Amino acid sequence: MKSVSLLATAISATLLMSGCNVFKKNGTTVDSENANVKTTTVTGQPKPASAETLIEPLLGSWSVTTINGEEVKVNGDNHPEVTFKAIPEAKTAILVIGFNGCNYLNGSWIVNGSKLNPNGEFITSLKACPDAPYEFAFNQAINQVASYSVIDNNSISLNSESGTALMTLRKRNLSFLNGAWQVTTIKGTPVPASTAIKVVIDIDECKIHGNAGCNILNGTVVINLDKGDGIEFKDLATTRMTCPDIATEQSFLVALEEVATCTEGASADQAIMKDSDGMPMLTLIRISPDQLNEE
């Protein structure tokens, strides 16, 4: 048997959170680079050759869609979520970071096939919140998890010892958006060859910047936890130059503010941004950073 000691400090009110390295949730700033995790020792059975693959379906950031069969209906900063991180030194163990709408929970599970064995108790921050309707149910459910099952490519179920679904989770699949992009169409209309709209999107830092076609653009990326592909662009600001094709830039900025979701196109090098009704607002193609300053 192999024991692995994890990096340890006491938990604070700012536990690990995903989607952005630093962003505010219920007034708490969460820094995923410097998150505190508890001291624990992971002890498991000898690992098979394919042990690494056991945790792969779980890894990532997930929005909680149901708890004990009840649909989670809150929006915004108090929407419950769960993030699973690999522990490099223990390939069959995962770090579990939960947010119950108010407080952060931190612990680890040992993965054995579809079984999830708790490795000690969860520890939690102790913030008091006036509006966190799922806090108690979330805490109870996550402490009863004994297994998981895959629902589809974007959803899993966390189950009790008897197999009853305690939570269903929807994955956030927006990491492919990291990088440099050129906008090719705006609401179905091709962008003129004379106008190059090129932006850099950083999901981890929650930022967008680039050239809106004439002016320099900066803004904030907001991940919508109510949808696996939910994304919004806020606080958009540009310089104030005037160009011959300023109308295209204005159309782009209006469309960007209407974006509600984003999915891959035919490949991870294409992106389709849609409004809340599912209508395409923008299509983009990936470019290299060297192409950002090309005319």
Protein backbone atom coordinates (compact mmCIF):
# COMPACT_ATOMS: atom_id res chain seq x y z
CA MET A 1 0.00 0.00 0.00
CA LYS A 2 1.10 3.51 -0.69
CA SER A 3 0.31 6.53 1.48
CA VAL A 4 0.46 10.00 0.06
CA SER A 5 0.52 13.08 2.24
CA LEU A 6 -1.29 16.04 0.68
CA LEU A 7 -0.24 19.65 1.00
CA ALA A 8 -1.92 20.99 4.08
CA THR A 9 -3.05 24.12 5.81
CA ALA A 10 -6.23 24.93 7.71
CA ILE A 11 -9.28 25.70 5.62
CA SER A 12 -10.31 29.34 5.37
CA ALA A 13 -13.34 31.11 3.98
CA THR A 14 -11.58 31.30 0.61
CA LEU A 15 -11.37 27.71 -0.56
CA LEU A 16 -10.63 26.58 -4.09
CA MET A 17 -13.11 27.63 -6.74
CA SER A 18 -13.03 26.89 -10.47
CA GLY A 19 -13.91 28.65 -13.67
CA CYS A 20 -11.87 31.76 -12.81
CA ASN A 21 -8.67 31.78 -10.79
CA VAL A 22 -9.96 34.74 -8.81
CA PHE A 23 -13.54 35.94 -8.75
CA LYS A 24 -16.16 36.95 -6.23
CA LYS A 25 -18.99 34.72 -5.08
CA ASN A 26 -21.35 35.94 -2.37
CA GLY A 27 -18.79 38.59 -1.47
CA THR A 28 -15.97 36.07 -0.98
CA THR A 29 -12.92 36.26 -3.21
CA VAL A 30 -11.70 32.78 -4.13
CA ASP A 31 -8.16 32.17 -5.32
CA SER A 32 -7.69 28.77 -6.94
CA GLU A 33 -3.93 29.14 -7.15
CA ASN A 34 -3.52 29.58 -3.40
CA ALA A 35 -6.45 27.61 -2.09
CA ASN A 36 -6.10 25.92 1.25
CA VAL A 37 -6.77 22.22 1.54
CA LYS A 38 -6.90 20.02 4.57
CA THR A 39 -4.25 17.68 5.82
CA THR A 40 -5.08 14.11 4.97
CA THR A 41 -3.50 10.83 4.03
CA VAL A 42 -4.74 8.82 1.09
CA THR A 43 -4.40 5.10 1.47
CA GLY A 44 -5.70 2.72 -1.17
CA GLN A 45 -5.28 -0.67 -2.70
CA PRO A 46 -2.45 -1.29 -5.20
CA LYS A 47 -3.33 0.63 -8.36
CA PRO A 48 -3.98 -1.18 -11.63
CA ALA A 49 -2.16 -0.08 -14.76
CA SER A 50 -5.16 1.95 -15.91
CA ALA A 51 -5.75 3.64 -12.56
CA GLU A 52 -5.46 7.12 -14.06
CA THR A 53 -8.52 6.54 -16.23
CA LEU A 54 -10.76 5.89 -13.22
CA ILE A 55 -10.97 9.55 -12.29
CA GLU A 56 -11.15 11.09 -15.76
CA PRO A 57 -14.99 11.16 -16.05
CA LEU A 58 -15.14 13.15 -12.82
CA LEU A 59 -12.48 15.79 -13.33
CA GLY A 60 -13.57 19.34 -13.94
CA SER A 61 -16.12 21.87 -12.74
CA TRP A 62 -19.77 20.94 -12.40
CA SER A 63 -22.97 22.86 -11.77
CA VAL A 64 -25.40 21.09 -9.41
CA THR A 65 -28.70 20.62 -11.26
CA THR A 66 -30.64 18.53 -8.72
CA ILE A 67 -30.30 17.62 -5.04
CA ASN A 68 -32.34 14.66 -3.78
CA GLY A 69 -34.40 14.82 -6.94
CA GLU A 70 -35.29 18.50 -6.51
CA GLU A 71 -34.27 20.82 -9.34
CA VAL A 72 -31.85 23.55 -8.27
CA LYS A 73 -33.48 26.79 -9.35
CA VAL A 74 -31.29 29.52 -7.88
CA ASN A 75 -29.33 31.74 -10.26
CA GLY A 76 -26.12 33.67 -10.00
CA ASP A 77 -23.56 33.64 -7.22
CA ASN A 78 -25.33 31.25 -4.84
CA HIS A 79 -25.78 28.38 -7.31
CA PRO A 80 -24.29 25.17 -5.82
CA GLU A 81 -21.38 23.58 -7.66
CA VAL A 82 -18.68 20.94 -7.29
CA THR A 83 -15.14 20.79 -8.65
CA PHE A 84 -13.01 17.64 -8.82
CA LYS A 85 -9.22 17.93 -9.07
CA ALA A 86 -6.66 15.21 -9.63
CA ILE A 87 -4.08 14.55 -6.92
CA PRO A 88 -0.85 13.83 -8.85
CA GLU A 89 0.67 11.71 -6.10
CA ALA A 90 -2.45 9.54 -5.73
CA LYS A 91 -3.82 8.58 -9.12
CA THR A 92 -6.97 6.97 -7.78
CA ALA A 93 -7.86 9.84 -5.45
CA ILE A 94 -9.53 13.17 -6.19
CA LEU A 95 -9.78 16.44 -4.34
CA VAL A 96 -13.42 17.48 -3.88
CA ILE A 97 -14.31 21.16 -3.60
CA GLY A 98 -17.99 21.92 -3.08
CA PHE A 99 -19.92 25.18 -2.89
CA ASN A 100 -23.34 24.86 -1.26
CA GLY A 101 -24.60 28.33 -2.09
CA CYS A 102 -22.95 29.89 0.93
CA ASN A 103 -19.93 27.94 2.17
CA TYR A 104 -17.12 25.93 0.64
CA LEU A 105 -16.51 22.28 1.53
CA ASN A 106 -13.18 20.55 1.07
CA GLY A 107 -12.31 16.86 1.16
CA SER A 108 -11.16 13.92 -0.94
CA TRP A 109 -12.49 10.65 -2.30
CA ILE A 110 -10.73 7.47 -3.36
CA VAL A 111 -12.10 6.23 -6.68
CA ASN A 112 -12.54 2.48 -7.12
CA GLY A 113 -14.37 1.87 -10.38
CA SER A 114 -17.68 3.69 -9.91
CA LYS A 115 -17.29 3.63 -6.13
CA LEU A 116 -16.32 6.79 -4.26
CA ASN A 117 -14.84 6.11 -0.84
CA PRO A 118 -14.54 9.12 1.49
CA ASN A 119 -11.07 9.85 2.79
CA GLY A 120 -11.94 11.52 6.07
CA GLU A 121 -14.62 14.11 6.71
CA PHE A 122 -15.33 17.26 4.73
CA ILE A 123 -14.31 20.51 6.34
CA THR A 124 -16.15 23.71 5.61
CA SER A 125 -16.01 27.46 5.91
CA LEU A 126 -18.45 28.96 8.39
CA LYS A 127 -20.06 31.91 6.68
CA ALA A 128 -23.68 32.80 7.50
CA CYS A 129 -25.83 33.58 4.44
CA PRO A 130 -29.39 34.93 4.33
CA ASP A 131 -30.17 33.26 1.01
CA ALA A 132 -28.75 29.76 0.52
CA PRO A 133 -31.80 27.45 0.19
CA TYR A 134 -29.80 24.33 -0.70
CA GLU A 135 -27.01 24.61 1.86
CA PHE A 136 -28.27 21.99 4.32
CA ALA A 137 -29.41 19.51 1.66
CA PHE A 138 -26.14 19.88 -0.22
CA ASN A 139 -24.07 19.20 2.91
CA GLN A 140 -26.10 16.11 3.76
CA ALA A 141 -25.98 14.76 0.22
CA ILE A 142 -22.28 15.16 -0.39
CA ASN A 143 -21.48 13.38 2.86
CA GLN A 144 -23.60 10.39 1.79
CA VAL A 145 -22.05 9.93 -1.68
CA ALA A 146 -20.82 6.37 -2.27
CA SER A 147 -20.68 6.09 -6.08
CA TYR A 148 -21.20 7.93 -9.32
CA SER A 149 -22.75 7.12 -12.67
CA VAL A 150 -22.44 8.79 -16.07
CA ILE A 151 -25.73 10.17 -17.44
CA ASP A 152 -24.34 11.56 -20.71
CA ASN A 153 -21.26 13.36 -22.01
CA ASN A 154 -21.99 16.42 -19.87
CA SER A 155 -23.82 15.03 -16.83
CA ILE A 156 -23.16 12.63 -13.96
CA SER A 157 -25.05 11.45 -10.91
CA LEU A 158 -23.60 11.19 -7.42
CA ASN A 159 -25.32 8.30 -5.67
CA SER A 160 -25.90 6.91 -2.19
CA GLU A 161 -24.85 3.46 -1.00
CA SER A 162 -28.19 2.10 -2.24
CA GLY A 163 -27.75 3.69 -5.67
CA THR A 164 -30.22 6.53 -5.15
CA ALA A 165 -29.24 9.75 -6.92
CA LEU A 166 -28.25 12.36 -4.34
CA MET A 167 -27.08 14.98 -6.82
CA THR A 168 -26.94 15.37 -10.56
CA LEU A 169 -24.21 17.56 -12.00
CA ARG A 170 -23.77 19.26 -15.35
CA LYS A 171 -20.24 19.91 -16.58
CA ARG A 172 -18.92 23.29 -17.52
CA ASN A 173 -17.20 22.84 -20.88
CA LEU A 174 -15.71 26.21 -21.69
CA SER A 175 -11.98 25.67 -21.27
CA PHE A 176 -11.65 25.25 -25.04
CA LEU A 177 -12.34 29.00 -25.34
CA ASN A 178 -8.99 29.92 -23.84
CA GLY A 179 -6.82 31.58 -26.48
CA ALA A 180 -6.94 33.94 -29.45
CA TRP A 181 -9.92 34.08 -31.83
CA GLN A 182 -11.06 35.91 -34.95
CA VAL A 183 -14.76 36.65 -35.42
CA THR A 184 -16.00 35.41 -38.80
CA THR A 185 -19.75 36.12 -38.66
CA ILE A 186 -22.04 38.41 -36.65
CA LYS A 187 -25.66 37.20 -36.42
CA GLY A 188 -25.08 35.15 -39.57
CA THR A 189 -23.51 37.98 -41.58
CA PRO A 190 -19.86 37.48 -42.61
CA VAL A 191 -17.43 40.03 -41.20
CA PRO A 192 -15.98 42.09 -44.10
CA ALA A 193 -12.44 41.18 -45.10
CA SER A 194 -11.46 44.80 -44.41
CA THR A 195 -12.45 44.48 -40.73
CA ALA A 196 -10.46 42.16 -38.50
CA ILE A 197 -12.14 41.48 -35.15
CA LYS A 198 -9.65 39.56 -33.01
CA VAL A 199 -9.97 38.84 -29.31
CA VAL A 200 -8.25 36.85 -26.57
CA ILE A 201 -10.49 35.02 -24.11
CA ASP A 202 -9.10 33.88 -20.75
CA ILE A 203 -11.60 31.69 -18.92
CA ASP A 204 -9.27 31.25 -15.93
CA GLU A 205 -8.84 34.99 -15.42
CA CYS A 206 -12.40 35.86 -16.53
CA LYS A 207 -11.21 38.39 -19.10
CA ILE A 208 -11.63 39.26 -22.76
CA HIS A 209 -9.47 41.75 -24.64
CA GLY A 210 -8.48 42.51 -28.20
CA ASN A 211 -9.46 44.53 -31.26
CA ALA A 212 -13.18 45.00 -31.83
CA GLY A 213 -12.55 45.91 -35.47
CA CYS A 214 -11.52 49.49 -34.88
CA ASN A 215 -11.10 50.07 -31.17
CA ILE A 216 -9.31 48.21 -28.40
CA LEU A 217 -11.72 46.12 -26.32
CA ASN A 218 -11.54 45.00 -22.70
CA GLY A 219 -14.20 43.21 -20.69
CA THR A 220 -15.17 40.62 -18.12
CA VAL A 221 -16.13 36.99 -18.72
CA VAL A 222 -18.91 35.66 -16.49
CA ILE A 223 -19.45 31.90 -16.30
CA ASN A 224 -23.13 31.01 -15.87
CA LEU A 225 -23.33 28.02 -13.55
CA ASP A 226 -26.95 27.35 -14.46
CA LYS A 227 -25.84 26.03 -17.87
CA GLY A 228 -22.94 23.77 -18.76
CA ASP A 229 -22.01 26.10 -21.62
CA GLY A 230 -23.32 29.33 -20.11
CA ILE A 231 -21.16 32.42 -20.60
CA GLU A 232 -21.71 36.17 -20.63
CA PHE A 233 -19.52 39.16 -21.42
CA LYS A 234 -19.89 42.15 -19.10
CA ASP A 235 -18.29 45.54 -18.42
CA LEU A 236 -17.25 45.92 -22.06
CA ALA A 237 -15.16 49.02 -22.68
CA THR A 238 -13.46 50.28 -25.83
CA THR A 239 -11.33 53.16 -26.95
CA ARG A 240 -13.11 55.87 -28.94
CA MET A 241 -11.57 56.00 -32.39
CA THR A 242 -13.71 56.36 -35.50
CA CYS A 243 -13.16 54.04 -38.46
CA PRO A 244 -14.82 53.63 -41.89
CA ASP A 245 -16.48 50.36 -40.82
CA ILE A 246 -17.45 51.37 -37.30
CA ALA A 247 -20.93 49.91 -37.87
CA THR A 248 -19.47 46.38 -37.97
CA GLU A 249 -17.72 46.98 -34.66
CA GLN A 250 -20.93 48.25 -33.10
CA SER A 251 -22.81 45.19 -34.34
CA PHE A 252 -20.13 42.96 -32.82
CA LEU A 253 -20.33 44.67 -29.42
CA VAL A 254 -24.12 44.43 -29.35
CA ALA A 255 -23.97 40.73 -30.29
CA LEU A 256 -21.28 40.06 -27.67
CA GLU A 257 -23.50 41.51 -24.96
CA GLU A 258 -26.33 39.20 -26.05
CA VAL A 259 -24.24 36.02 -25.82
CA ALA A 260 -25.61 33.48 -23.31
CA THR A 261 -23.91 30.21 -24.32
CA CYS A 262 -20.93 29.01 -26.31
CA THR A 263 -20.15 25.62 -27.84
CA GLU A 264 -17.49 24.18 -30.08
CA GLY A 265 -18.15 24.21 -33.79
CA ALA A 266 -16.93 21.45 -36.07
CA SER A 267 -13.73 21.31 -34.00
CA ALA A 268 -12.17 22.83 -30.90
CA ASP A 269 -10.75 25.52 -33.20
CA GLN A 270 -14.21 26.86 -33.95
CA ALA A 271 -16.68 28.43 -31.54
CA ILE A 272 -20.35 29.32 -31.84
CA MET A 273 -21.81 31.88 -29.44
CA LYS A 274 -25.61 32.01 -29.08
CA ASP A 275 -28.17 34.12 -27.29
CA SER A 276 -30.60 32.87 -24.65
CA ASP A 277 -32.99 31.67 -27.38
CA GLY A 278 -30.29 29.59 -29.06
CA MET A 279 -29.83 31.95 -32.01
CA PRO A 280 -26.21 32.26 -33.27
CA MET A 281 -24.73 35.62 -32.39
CA LEU A 282 -21.07 35.11 -33.30
CA THR A 283 -18.89 32.48 -34.92
CA LEU A 284 -15.16 32.45 -34.32
CA ILE A 285 -12.06 30.59 -35.49
CA ARG A 286 -8.94 30.06 -33.46
CA ILE A 287 -5.83 31.99 -34.47
CA SER A 288 -2.28 32.01 -33.18
CA PRO A 289 -1.15 34.87 -30.89
CA ASP A 290 1.14 36.00 -33.71
CA GLN A 291 -1.92 36.76 -35.84
CA LEU A 292 -3.43 39.16 -33.33
CA ASN A 293 -1.53 42.17 -34.67
CA GLU A 294 -1.79 41.27 -38.33
CA GLU A 295 -3.96 43.54 -40.47
